[in-house]
């Protein structure tokens, strides 16, 4: 397990984990970018409130992608069943 130092909103964080350093840096950069977006649209927001908004936005992205993935998986299964039935 390694550790990587990253900066989010100017704060230094040491992240420990098994993921590659570049991946951890990419995640930290994404979170930093999202937090900066919130701070630019709501300048006086506290860091805690900004973090909660960003967490909710990222959770929304995740849920949308999961739903899209489930829909695509169902579509592929349905098409596979249709094509398989043609061979029977």
PDB file of N, CA and C in Angstrom:
ATOM      1  N   UNK A   1       0.856  -1.176   0.000  1.00  0.00           N
ATOM      2  CA  UNK A   1       0.000   0.000   0.000  1.00  0.00           C
ATOM      3  C   UNK A   1       0.900   1.236   0.000  1.00  0.00           C
ATOM      4  N   UNK A   2       0.655   2.127  -0.948  1.00  0.00           N
ATOM      5  CA  UNK A   2       1.442   3.345  -1.031  1.00  0.00           C
ATOM      6  C   UNK A   2       0.660   4.543  -0.559  1.00  0.00           C
ATOM      7  N   UNK A   3       1.337   5.675  -0.546  1.00  0.00           N
ATOM      8  CA  UNK A   3       0.653   6.914  -0.183  1.00  0.00           C
ATOM      9  C   UNK A   3       1.025   7.988  -1.202  1.00  0.00           C
ATOM     10  N   UNK A   4       0.065   8.883  -1.430  1.00  0.00           N
ATOM     11  CA  UNK A   4       0.225   9.948  -2.407  1.00  0.00           C
ATOM     12  C   UNK A   4      -0.229  11.247  -1.765  1.00  0.00           C
ATOM     13  N   UNK A   5       0.572  12.291  -1.920  1.00  0.00           N
ATOM     14  CA  UNK A   5       0.169  13.605  -1.433  1.00  0.00           C
ATOM     15  C   UNK A   5      -0.545  14.339  -2.555  1.00  0.00           C
ATOM     16  N   UNK A   6      -1.740  14.846  -2.241  1.00  0.00           N
ATOM     17  CA  UNK A   6      -2.528  15.594  -3.213  1.00  0.00           C
ATOM     18  C   UNK A   6      -2.992  16.892  -2.554  1.00  0.00           C
ATOM     19  N   UNK A   7      -3.378  17.841  -3.395  1.00  0.00           N
ATOM     20  CA  UNK A   7      -3.904  19.109  -2.903  1.00  0.00           C
ATOM     21  C   UNK A   7      -5.328  19.285  -3.405  1.00  0.00           C
ATOM     22  N   UNK A   8      -6.217  19.583  -2.468  1.00  0.00           N
ATOM     23  CA  UNK A   8      -7.609  19.860  -2.794  1.00  0.00           C
ATOM     24  C   UNK A   8      -7.964  21.178  -2.114  1.00  0.00           C
ATOM     25  N   UNK A   9      -8.350  22.163  -2.934  1.00  0.00           N
ATOM     26  CA  UNK A   9      -8.606  23.529  -2.450  1.00  0.00           C
ATOM     27  C   UNK A   9      -7.435  24.069  -1.630  1.00  0.00           C
ATOM     28  N   UNK A  10      -6.233  23.766  -2.077  1.00  0.00           N
ATOM     29  CA  UNK A  10      -5.039  24.271  -1.415  1.00  0.00           C
ATOM     30  C   UNK A  10      -4.617  23.522  -0.166  1.00  0.00           C
ATOM     31  N   UNK A  11      -5.414  22.563   0.262  1.00  0.00           N
ATOM     32  CA  UNK A  11      -5.097  21.763   1.441  1.00  0.00           C
ATOM     33  C   UNK A  11      -4.351  20.503   1.001  1.00  0.00           C
ATOM     34  N   UNK A  12      -3.313  20.159   1.712  1.00  0.00           N
ATOM     35  CA  UNK A  12      -2.560  18.951   1.397  1.00  0.00           C
ATOM     36  C   UNK A  12      -3.177  17.758   2.119  1.00  0.00           C
ATOM     37  N   UNK A  13      -3.385  16.671   1.368  1.00  0.00           N
ATOM     38  CA  UNK A  13      -3.913  15.428   1.918  1.00  0.00           C
ATOM     39  C   UNK A  13      -2.993  14.289   1.517  1.00  0.00           C
ATOM     40  N   UNK A  14      -2.772  13.365   2.431  1.00  0.00           N
ATOM     41  CA  UNK A  14      -2.022  12.162   2.120  1.00  0.00           C
ATOM     42  C   UNK A  14      -3.024  11.029   1.984  1.00  0.00           C
ATOM     43  N   UNK A  15      -3.079  10.466   0.784  1.00  0.00           N
ATOM     44  CA  UNK A  15      -4.031   9.398   0.488  1.00  0.00           C
ATOM     45  C   UNK A  15      -3.265   8.083   0.454  1.00  0.00           C
ATOM     46  N   UNK A  16      -3.728   7.124   1.225  1.00  0.00           N
ATOM     47  CA  UNK A  16      -3.099   5.804   1.239  1.00  0.00           C
ATOM     48  C   UNK A  16      -4.034   4.811   0.573  1.00  0.00           C
ATOM     49  N   UNK A  17      -3.455   3.949  -0.237  1.00  0.00           N
ATOM     50  CA  UNK A  17      -4.281   2.949  -0.891  1.00  0.00           C
ATOM     51  C   UNK A  17      -3.479   2.101  -1.861  1.00  0.00           C
ATOM     52  N   UNK A  18      -4.178   1.141  -2.452  1.00  0.00           N
ATOM     53  CA  UNK A  18      -3.541   0.223  -3.391  1.00  0.00           C
ATOM     54  C   UNK A  18      -3.628   0.712  -4.836  1.00  0.00           C
ATOM     55  N   UNK A  19      -4.415   1.735  -5.080  1.00  0.00           N
ATOM     56  CA  UNK A  19      -4.592   2.235  -6.444  1.00  0.00           C
ATOM     57  C   UNK A  19      -3.304   2.908  -6.919  1.00  0.00           C
ATOM     58  N   UNK A  20      -3.099   2.895  -8.233  1.00  0.00           N
ATOM     59  CA  UNK A  20      -1.910   3.569  -8.778  1.00  0.00           C
ATOM     60  C   UNK A  20      -1.919   5.071  -8.461  1.00  0.00           C
ATOM     61  N   UNK A  21      -0.738   5.631  -8.282  1.00  0.00           N
ATOM     62  CA  UNK A  21      -0.597   7.043  -7.928  1.00  0.00           C
ATOM     63  C   UNK A  21      -1.315   7.948  -8.922  1.00  0.00           C
ATOM     64  N   UNK A  22      -1.173   7.676 -10.201  1.00  0.00           N
ATOM     65  CA  UNK A  22      -1.790   8.516 -11.230  1.00  0.00           C
ATOM     66  C   UNK A  22      -3.314   8.517 -11.091  1.00  0.00           C
ATOM     67  N   UNK A  23      -3.888   7.364 -10.755  1.00  0.00           N
ATOM     68  CA  UNK A  23      -5.340   7.257 -10.575  1.00  0.00           C
ATOM     69  C   UNK A  23      -5.792   8.105  -9.389  1.00  0.00           C
ATOM     70  N   UNK A  24      -5.060   8.016  -8.282  1.00  0.00           N
ATOM     71  CA  UNK A  24      -5.405   8.793  -7.083  1.00  0.00           C
ATOM     72  C   UNK A  24      -5.313  10.283  -7.385  1.00  0.00           C
ATOM     73  N   UNK A  25      -4.275  10.679  -8.099  1.00  0.00           N
ATOM     74  CA  UNK A  25      -4.121  12.092  -8.466  1.00  0.00           C
ATOM     75  C   UNK A  25      -5.274  12.558  -9.366  1.00  0.00           C
ATOM     76  N   UNK A  26      -5.706  11.675 -10.266  1.00  0.00           N
ATOM     77  CA  UNK A  26      -6.816  12.009 -11.151  1.00  0.00           C
ATOM     78  C   UNK A  26      -8.107  12.203 -10.351  1.00  0.00           C
ATOM     79  N   UNK A  27      -8.352  11.324  -9.376  1.00  0.00           N
ATOM     80  CA  UNK A  27      -9.533  11.462  -8.516  1.00  0.00           C
ATOM     81  C   UNK A  27      -9.483  12.761  -7.723  1.00  0.00           C
ATOM     82  N   UNK A  28      -8.331  13.039  -7.132  1.00  0.00           N
ATOM     83  CA  UNK A  28      -8.179  14.256  -6.329  1.00  0.00           C
ATOM     84  C   UNK A  28      -8.376  15.497  -7.195  1.00  0.00           C
ATOM     85  N   UNK A  29      -7.851  15.462  -8.402  1.00  0.00           N
ATOM     86  CA  UNK A  29      -7.999  16.586  -9.323  1.00  0.00           C
ATOM     87  C   UNK A  29      -9.469  16.802  -9.678  1.00  0.00           C
ATOM     88  N   UNK A  30     -10.193  15.714  -9.875  1.00  0.00           N
ATOM     89  CA  UNK A  30     -11.620  15.797 -10.198  1.00  0.00           C
ATOM     90  C   UNK A  30     -12.395  16.435  -9.046  1.00  0.00           C
ATOM     91  N   UNK A  31     -12.125  15.977  -7.825  1.00  0.00           N
ATOM     92  CA  UNK A  31     -12.802  16.531  -6.648  1.00  0.00           C
ATOM     93  C   UNK A  31     -12.441  18.007  -6.480  1.00  0.00           C
ATOM     94  N   UNK A  32     -11.168  18.331  -6.651  1.00  0.00           N
ATOM     95  CA  UNK A  32     -10.716  19.718  -6.546  1.00  0.00           C
ATOM     96  C   UNK A  32     -11.429  20.602  -7.568  1.00  0.00           C
ATOM     97  N   UNK A  33     -11.532  20.110  -8.790  1.00  0.00           N
ATOM     98  CA  UNK A  33     -12.219  20.856  -9.848  1.00  0.00           C
ATOM     99  C   UNK A  33     -13.681  21.101  -9.492  1.00  0.00           C
ATOM    100  N   UNK A  34     -14.355  20.063  -9.002  1.00  0.00           N
ATOM    101  CA  UNK A  34     -15.768  20.199  -8.634  1.00  0.00           C
ATOM    102  C   UNK A  34     -15.946  21.192  -7.482  1.00  0.00           C
ATOM    103  N   UNK A  35     -15.052  21.132  -6.497  1.00  0.00           N
ATOM    104  CA  UNK A  35     -15.136  22.068  -5.376  1.00  0.00           C
ATOM    105  C   UNK A  35     -14.902  23.504  -5.842  1.00  0.00           C
ATOM    106  N   UNK A  36     -13.968  23.697  -6.744  1.00  0.00           N
ATOM    107  CA  UNK A  36     -13.708  25.046  -7.267  1.00  0.00           C
ATOM    108  C   UNK A  36     -14.917  25.571  -8.040  1.00  0.00           C
ATOM    109  N   UNK A  37     -15.615  24.679  -8.755  1.00  0.00           N
ATOM    110  CA  UNK A  37     -16.838  25.086  -9.459  1.00  0.00           C
ATOM    111  C   UNK A  37     -17.889  25.593  -8.473  1.00  0.00           C
ATOM    112  N   UNK A  38     -18.063  24.858  -7.372  1.00  0.00           N
ATOM    113  CA  UNK A  38     -19.047  25.266  -6.360  1.00  0.00           C
ATOM    114  C   UNK A  38     -18.628  26.597  -5.741  1.00  0.00           C
ATOM    115  N   UNK A  39     -17.349  26.718  -5.390  1.00  0.00           N
ATOM    116  CA  UNK A  39     -16.867  27.968  -4.781  1.00  0.00           C
ATOM    117  C   UNK A  39     -16.987  29.152  -5.727  1.00  0.00           C
ATOM    118  N   UNK A  40     -16.835  28.926  -7.031  1.00  0.00           N
ATOM    119  CA  UNK A  40     -16.954  30.055  -7.962  1.00  0.00           C
ATOM    120  C   UNK A  40     -18.408  30.488  -8.137  1.00  0.00           C
ATOM    121  N   UNK A  41     -19.347  29.544  -7.991  1.00  0.00           N
ATOM    122  CA  UNK A  41     -20.759  29.916  -8.135  1.00  0.00           C
ATOM    123  C   UNK A  41     -21.377  30.387  -6.815  1.00  0.00           C
ATOM    124  N   UNK A  42     -20.806  29.938  -5.695  1.00  0.00           N
ATOM    125  CA  UNK A  42     -21.290  30.357  -4.371  1.00  0.00           C
ATOM    126  C   UNK A  42     -20.057  30.739  -3.537  1.00  0.00           C
ATOM    127  N   UNK A  43     -19.519  31.928  -3.726  1.00  0.00           N
ATOM    128  CA  UNK A  43     -18.236  32.304  -3.114  1.00  0.00           C
ATOM    129  C   UNK A  43     -18.158  32.218  -1.590  1.00  0.00           C
ATOM    130  N   UNK A  44     -19.238  32.481  -0.887  1.00  0.00           N
ATOM    131  CA  UNK A  44     -19.177  32.511   0.586  1.00  0.00           C
ATOM    132  C   UNK A  44     -19.550  31.186   1.243  1.00  0.00           C
ATOM    133  N   UNK A  45     -19.643  30.123   0.468  1.00  0.00           N
ATOM    134  CA  UNK A  45     -20.029  28.826   1.023  1.00  0.00           C
ATOM    135  C   UNK A  45     -18.900  28.269   1.901  1.00  0.00           C
ATOM    136  N   UNK A  46     -19.284  27.619   2.973  1.00  0.00           N
ATOM    137  CA  UNK A  46     -18.277  27.015   3.844  1.00  0.00           C
ATOM    138  C   UNK A  46     -17.719  25.756   3.172  1.00  0.00           C
ATOM    139  N   UNK A  47     -16.494  25.386   3.516  1.00  0.00           N
ATOM    140  CA  UNK A  47     -15.912  24.177   2.924  1.00  0.00           C
ATOM    141  C   UNK A  47     -16.745  22.920   3.166  1.00  0.00           C
ATOM    142  N   UNK A  48     -17.360  22.825   4.339  1.00  0.00           N
ATOM    143  CA  UNK A  48     -18.182  21.650   4.643  1.00  0.00           C
ATOM    144  C   UNK A  48     -19.409  21.603   3.737  1.00  0.00           C
ATOM    145  N   UNK A  49     -20.085  22.720   3.601  1.00  0.00           N
ATOM    146  CA  UNK A  49     -21.273  22.753   2.743  1.00  0.00           C
ATOM    147  C   UNK A  49     -20.894  22.511   1.282  1.00  0.00           C
ATOM    148  N   UNK A  50     -19.770  23.082   0.856  1.00  0.00           N
ATOM    149  CA  UNK A  50     -19.304  22.855  -0.518  1.00  0.00           C
ATOM    150  C   UNK A  50     -19.009  21.373  -0.725  1.00  0.00           C
ATOM    151  N   UNK A  51     -18.381  20.753   0.250  1.00  0.00           N
ATOM    152  CA  UNK A  51     -18.052  19.321   0.153  1.00  0.00           C
ATOM    153  C   UNK A  51     -19.307  18.467   0.064  1.00  0.00           C
ATOM    154  N   UNK A  52     -20.327  18.826   0.827  1.00  0.00           N
ATOM    155  CA  UNK A  52     -21.582  18.071   0.788  1.00  0.00           C
ATOM    156  C   UNK A  52     -22.251  18.233  -0.571  1.00  0.00           C
ATOM    157  N   UNK A  53     -22.280  19.456  -1.104  1.00  0.00           N
ATOM    158  CA  UNK A  53     -22.857  19.669  -2.433  1.00  0.00           C
ATOM    159  C   UNK A  53     -22.101  18.880  -3.503  1.00  0.00           C
ATOM    160  N   UNK A  54     -20.785  18.903  -3.427  1.00  0.00           N
ATOM    161  CA  UNK A  54     -19.965  18.161  -4.395  1.00  0.00           C
ATOM    162  C   UNK A  54     -20.210  16.661  -4.253  1.00  0.00           C
ATOM    163  N   UNK A  55     -20.291  16.179  -3.018  1.00  0.00           N
ATOM    164  CA  UNK A  55     -20.560  14.755  -2.804  1.00  0.00           C
ATOM    165  C   UNK A  55     -21.909  14.365  -3.406  1.00  0.00           C
ATOM    166  N   UNK A  56     -22.917  15.200  -3.226  1.00  0.00           N
ATOM    167  CA  UNK A  56     -24.232  14.927  -3.810  1.00  0.00           C
ATOM    168  C   UNK A  56     -24.185  14.960  -5.334  1.00  0.00           C
ATOM    169  N   UNK A  57     -23.451  15.921  -5.905  1.00  0.00           N
ATOM    170  CA  UNK A  57     -23.322  15.991  -7.358  1.00  0.00           C
ATOM    171  C   UNK A  57     -22.607  14.766  -7.920  1.00  0.00           C
ATOM    172  N   UNK A  58     -21.537  14.333  -7.248  1.00  0.00           N
ATOM    173  CA  UNK A  58     -20.806  13.152  -7.704  1.00  0.00           C
ATOM    174  C   UNK A  58     -21.668  11.904  -7.535  1.00  0.00           C
ATOM    175  N   UNK A  59     -22.434  11.819  -6.449  1.00  0.00           N
ATOM    176  CA  UNK A  59     -23.348  10.683  -6.257  1.00  0.00           C
ATOM    177  C   UNK A  59     -24.404  10.673  -7.356  1.00  0.00           C
ATOM    178  N   UNK A  60     -24.901  11.835  -7.743  1.00  0.00           N
ATOM    179  CA  UNK A  60     -25.873  11.939  -8.833  1.00  0.00           C
ATOM    180  C   UNK A  60     -25.262  11.425 -10.130  1.00  0.00           C
ATOM    181  N   UNK A  61     -24.034  11.837 -10.425  1.00  0.00           N
ATOM    182  CA  UNK A  61     -23.340  11.345 -11.624  1.00  0.00           C
ATOM    183  C   UNK A  61     -23.238   9.819 -11.597  1.00  0.00           C
ATOM    184  N   UNK A  62     -22.838   9.289 -10.451  1.00  0.00           N
ATOM    185  CA  UNK A  62     -22.690   7.840 -10.296  1.00  0.00           C
ATOM    186  C   UNK A  62     -24.012   7.120 -10.532  1.00  0.00           C
ATOM    187  N   UNK A  63     -25.081   7.591  -9.922  1.00  0.00           N
ATOM    188  CA  UNK A  63     -26.383   6.942 -10.063  1.00  0.00           C
ATOM    189  C   UNK A  63     -26.887   7.005 -11.500  1.00  0.00           C
ATOM    190  N   UNK A  64     -26.678   8.151 -12.157  1.00  0.00           N
ATOM    191  CA  UNK A  64     -27.095   8.276 -13.560  1.00  0.00           C
ATOM    192  C   UNK A  64     -26.339   7.286 -14.441  1.00  0.00           C
ATOM    193  N   UNK A  65     -25.037   7.170 -14.217  1.00  0.00           N
ATOM    194  CA  UNK A  65     -24.226   6.240 -15.007  1.00  0.00           C
ATOM    195  C   UNK A  65     -24.622   4.795 -14.707  1.00  0.00           C
ATOM    196  N   UNK A  66     -24.885   4.484 -13.447  1.00  0.00           N
ATOM    197  CA  UNK A  66     -25.333   3.124 -13.097  1.00  0.00           C
ATOM    198  C   UNK A  66     -26.655   2.797 -13.787  1.00  0.00           C
ATOM    199  N   UNK A  67     -27.595   3.737 -13.760  1.00  0.00           N
ATOM    200  CA  UNK A  67     -28.891   3.514 -14.413  1.00  0.00           C
ATOM    201  C   UNK A  67     -28.721   3.331 -15.913  1.00  0.00           C
ATOM    202  N   UNK A  68     -27.861   4.137 -16.509  1.00  0.00           N
ATOM    203  CA  UNK A  68     -27.601   4.017 -17.941  1.00  0.00           C
ATOM    204  C   UNK A  68     -26.959   2.660 -18.257  1.00  0.00           C
ATOM    205  N   UNK A  69     -26.048   2.236 -17.416  1.00  0.00           N
ATOM    206  CA  UNK A  69     -25.391   0.946 -17.582  1.00  0.00           C
ATOM    207  C   UNK A  69     -26.402  -0.200 -17.479  1.00  0.00           C
ATOM    208  N   UNK A  70     -27.301  -0.115 -16.495  1.00  0.00           N
ATOM    209  CA  UNK A  70     -28.335  -1.137 -16.346  1.00  0.00           C
ATOM    210  C   UNK A  70     -29.253  -1.180 -17.560  1.00  0.00           C
ATOM    211  N   UNK A  71     -29.614  -0.014 -18.078  1.00  0.00           N
ATOM    212  CA  UNK A  71     -30.470   0.046 -19.264  1.00  0.00           C
ATOM    213  C   UNK A  71     -29.769  -0.558 -20.473  1.00  0.00           C
ATOM    214  N   UNK A  72     -28.493  -0.239 -20.646  1.00  0.00           N
ATOM    215  CA  UNK A  72     -27.737  -0.797 -21.768  1.00  0.00           C
ATOM    216  C   UNK A  72     -27.571  -2.302 -21.633  1.00  0.00           C
ATOM    217  N   UNK A  73     -27.329  -2.758 -20.416  1.00  0.00           N
ATOM    218  CA  UNK A  73     -27.189  -4.200 -20.179  1.00  0.00           C
ATOM    219  C   UNK A  73     -28.486  -4.923 -20.514  1.00  0.00           C
ATOM    220  N   UNK A  74     -29.624  -4.357 -20.099  1.00  0.00           N
ATOM    221  CA  UNK A  74     -30.922  -4.959 -20.414  1.00  0.00           C
ATOM    222  C   UNK A  74     -31.155  -4.952 -21.923  1.00  0.00           C
ATOM    223  N   UNK A  75     -30.832  -3.853 -22.593  1.00  0.00           N
ATOM    224  CA  UNK A  75     -30.990  -3.761 -24.033  1.00  0.00           C
ATOM    225  C   UNK A  75     -30.154  -4.836 -24.734  1.00  0.00           C
ATOM    226  N   UNK A  76     -28.915  -5.001 -24.307  1.00  0.00           N
ATOM    227  CA  UNK A  76     -28.036  -6.018 -24.914  1.00  0.00           C
ATOM    228  C   UNK A  76     -28.576  -7.416 -24.671  1.00  0.00           C
ATOM    229  N   UNK A  77     -29.061  -7.697 -23.470  1.00  0.00           N
ATOM    230  CA  UNK A  77     -29.633  -9.014 -23.169  1.00  0.00           C
ATOM    231  C   UNK A  77     -30.858  -9.286 -24.038  1.00  0.00           C
ATOM    232  N   UNK A  78     -31.714  -8.261 -24.162  1.00  0.00           N
ATOM    233  CA  UNK A  78     -32.911  -8.423 -24.998  1.00  0.00           C
ATOM    234  C   UNK A  78     -32.538  -8.686 -26.448  1.00  0.00           C
ATOM    235  N   UNK A  79     -31.590  -7.950 -26.969  1.00  0.00           N
ATOM    236  CA  UNK A  79     -31.159  -8.146 -28.359  1.00  0.00           C
ATOM    237  C   UNK A  79     -30.500  -9.510 -28.535  1.00  0.00           C
ATOM    238  N   UNK A  80     -29.717  -9.932 -27.550  1.00  0.00           N
ATOM    239  CA  UNK A  80     -29.073 -11.244 -27.601  1.00  0.00           C
ATOM    240  C   UNK A  80     -30.121 -12.350 -27.618  1.00  0.00           C
ATOM    241  N   UNK A  81     -31.141 -12.211 -26.777  1.00  0.00           N
ATOM    242  CA  UNK A  81     -32.220 -13.203 -26.749  1.00  0.00           C
ATOM    243  C   UNK A  81     -32.963 -13.237 -28.084  1.00  0.00           C
ATOM    244  N   UNK A  82     -33.194 -12.069 -28.674  1.00  0.00           N
ATOM    245  CA  UNK A  82     -33.880 -11.997 -29.963  1.00  0.00           C
ATOM    246  C   UNK A  82     -33.044 -12.686 -31.052  1.00  0.00           C
ATOM    247  N   UNK A  83     -31.759 -12.402 -31.059  1.00  0.00           N
ATOM    248  CA  UNK A  83     -30.880 -13.020 -32.062  1.00  0.00           C
ATOM    249  C   UNK A  83     -30.740 -14.535 -31.833  1.00  0.00           C
ATOM    250  N   UNK A  84     -30.665 -14.939 -30.588  1.00  0.00           N
ATOM    251  CA  UNK A  84     -30.564 -16.368 -30.270  1.00  0.00           C
ATOM    252  C   UNK A  84     -31.824 -17.101 -30.712  1.00  0.00           C
ATOM    253  N   UNK A  85     -32.972 -16.471 -30.541  1.00  0.00           N
ATOM    254  CA  UNK A  85     -34.235 -17.086 -30.932  1.00  0.00           C
ATOM    255  C   UNK A  85     -34.299 -17.308 -32.437  1.00  0.00           C
ATOM    256  N   UNK A  86     -33.613 -16.484 -33.206  1.00  0.00           N
ATOM    257  CA  UNK A  86     -33.585 -16.655 -34.654  1.00  0.00           C
ATOM    258  C   UNK A  86     -32.873 -17.932 -35.078  1.00  0.00           C
ATOM    259  N   UNK A  87     -31.962 -18.415 -34.255  1.00  0.00           N
ATOM    260  CA  UNK A  87     -31.217 -19.617 -34.562  1.00  0.00           C
ATOM    261  C   UNK A  87     -31.907 -20.899 -34.101  1.00  0.00           C
ATOM    262  N   UNK A  88     -32.895 -20.754 -33.270  1.00  0.00           N
ATOM    263  CA  UNK A  88     -33.597 -21.946 -32.733  1.00  0.00           C
ATOM    264  C   UNK A  88     -34.621 -22.492 -33.679  1.00  0.00           C
TER     265      UNK A  88
END
